[in-house]
Protein backbone atom coordinates (compact mmCIF):
# COMPACT_ATOMS: atom_id res chain seq x y z
CA UNK A 1 -46.30 23.01 -28.77
CA UNK A 2 -45.53 25.19 -31.87
CA UNK A 3 -45.02 21.88 -33.67
CA UNK A 4 -48.39 20.68 -32.66
CA UNK A 5 -50.29 24.07 -33.46
CA UNK A 6 -48.54 24.03 -36.63
CA UNK A 7 -49.61 20.81 -37.83
CA UNK A 8 -46.30 19.11 -37.86
CA UNK A 9 -46.96 16.76 -34.87
CA UNK A 10 -50.22 15.11 -33.68
CA UNK A 11 -49.23 14.11 -30.37
CA UNK A 12 -46.57 14.55 -27.72
CA UNK A 13 -44.67 12.32 -25.58
CA UNK A 14 -43.39 13.40 -22.13
CA UNK A 15 -40.82 11.37 -20.26
CA UNK A 16 -41.59 10.58 -16.84
CA UNK A 17 -38.27 10.89 -14.47
CA UNK A 18 -37.94 8.01 -11.91
CA UNK A 19 -38.94 9.21 -8.37
CA UNK A 20 -40.43 12.56 -9.66
CA UNK A 21 -44.11 13.28 -10.22
CA UNK A 22 -45.74 13.06 -14.00
CA UNK A 23 -45.45 16.14 -16.14
CA UNK A 24 -48.32 14.82 -18.39
CA UNK A 25 -51.35 16.58 -16.24
CA UNK A 26 -49.21 19.99 -16.35
CA UNK A 27 -48.67 19.72 -20.08
CA UNK A 28 -52.16 18.98 -20.86
CA UNK A 29 -53.39 21.92 -18.79
CA UNK A 30 -50.83 24.09 -20.67
CA UNK A 31 -51.95 22.74 -24.04
CA UNK A 32 -55.50 23.47 -23.08
CA UNK A 33 -54.74 27.09 -22.27
CA UNK A 34 -53.08 27.37 -25.69
CA UNK A 35 -56.21 25.75 -27.44
CA UNK A 36 -54.13 22.85 -28.43
CA UNK A 37 -55.93 19.50 -28.82
CA UNK A 38 -53.60 16.36 -29.10
CA UNK A 39 -53.10 13.17 -27.20
CA UNK A 40 -50.30 13.29 -24.55
CA UNK A 41 -48.32 10.08 -24.18
CA UNK A 42 -45.85 9.46 -21.06
CA UNK A 43 -43.00 7.00 -21.06
CA UNK A 44 -42.39 4.61 -18.28
CA UNK A 45 -40.22 5.80 -15.65
CA UNK A 46 -36.72 6.59 -16.67
CA UNK A 47 -33.19 7.18 -15.36
CA UNK A 48 -31.30 8.37 -18.06
CA UNK A 49 -31.21 9.44 -21.60
CA UNK A 50 -30.41 5.91 -22.81
CA UNK A 51 -33.58 4.69 -21.02
CA UNK A 52 -35.64 7.69 -22.63
CA UNK A 53 -34.57 6.63 -26.11
CA UNK A 54 -35.50 3.04 -25.34
CA UNK A 55 -39.03 3.95 -23.83
CA UNK A 56 -39.61 6.31 -26.88
CA UNK A 57 -38.76 3.49 -29.18
CA UNK A 58 -40.97 1.13 -27.56
CA UNK A 59 -43.80 3.54 -27.65
CA UNK A 60 -43.26 4.34 -31.23
CA UNK A 61 -43.41 0.34 -32.19
CA UNK A 62 -46.16 -0.37 -30.02
CA UNK A 63 -48.12 2.37 -31.64
CA UNK A 64 -46.86 1.84 -35.30
CA UNK A 65 -45.23 5.37 -35.53
CA UNK A 66 -43.09 6.19 -38.76
CA UNK A 67 -41.09 9.00 -37.51
CA UNK A 68 -40.70 10.81 -34.20
CA UNK A 69 -39.62 14.62 -34.16
CA UNK A 70 -37.24 15.10 -31.24
CA UNK A 71 -37.51 18.45 -29.09
CA UNK A 72 -34.75 19.14 -26.51
CA UNK A 73 -32.59 21.70 -24.95
CA UNK A 74 -29.72 22.50 -27.22
CA UNK A 75 -26.99 21.27 -24.27
CA UNK A 76 -29.06 17.79 -24.55
CA UNK A 77 -29.11 17.49 -28.41
CA UNK A 78 -25.49 15.99 -28.69
CA UNK A 79 -26.54 13.10 -26.78
CA UNK A 80 -29.82 12.47 -28.96
CA UNK A 81 -27.66 11.67 -32.14
């Protein structure tokens, strides 16, 4: 949310875990309460980190993104490299 609020990002991507409900509505409500106005994209359902990377890359290609800022928990960042 900080990256959007400070103008470093124009949209937010959330991943949808296979078999779990979507987080997108929750995220949009939080952003509204914080006064943030940005689109929220959601990946197709994923099962693991590899699927997540593939889906975000697909969204990026589909929408012509030039860069993506990755935000994750520190324990997950080793897999992101």
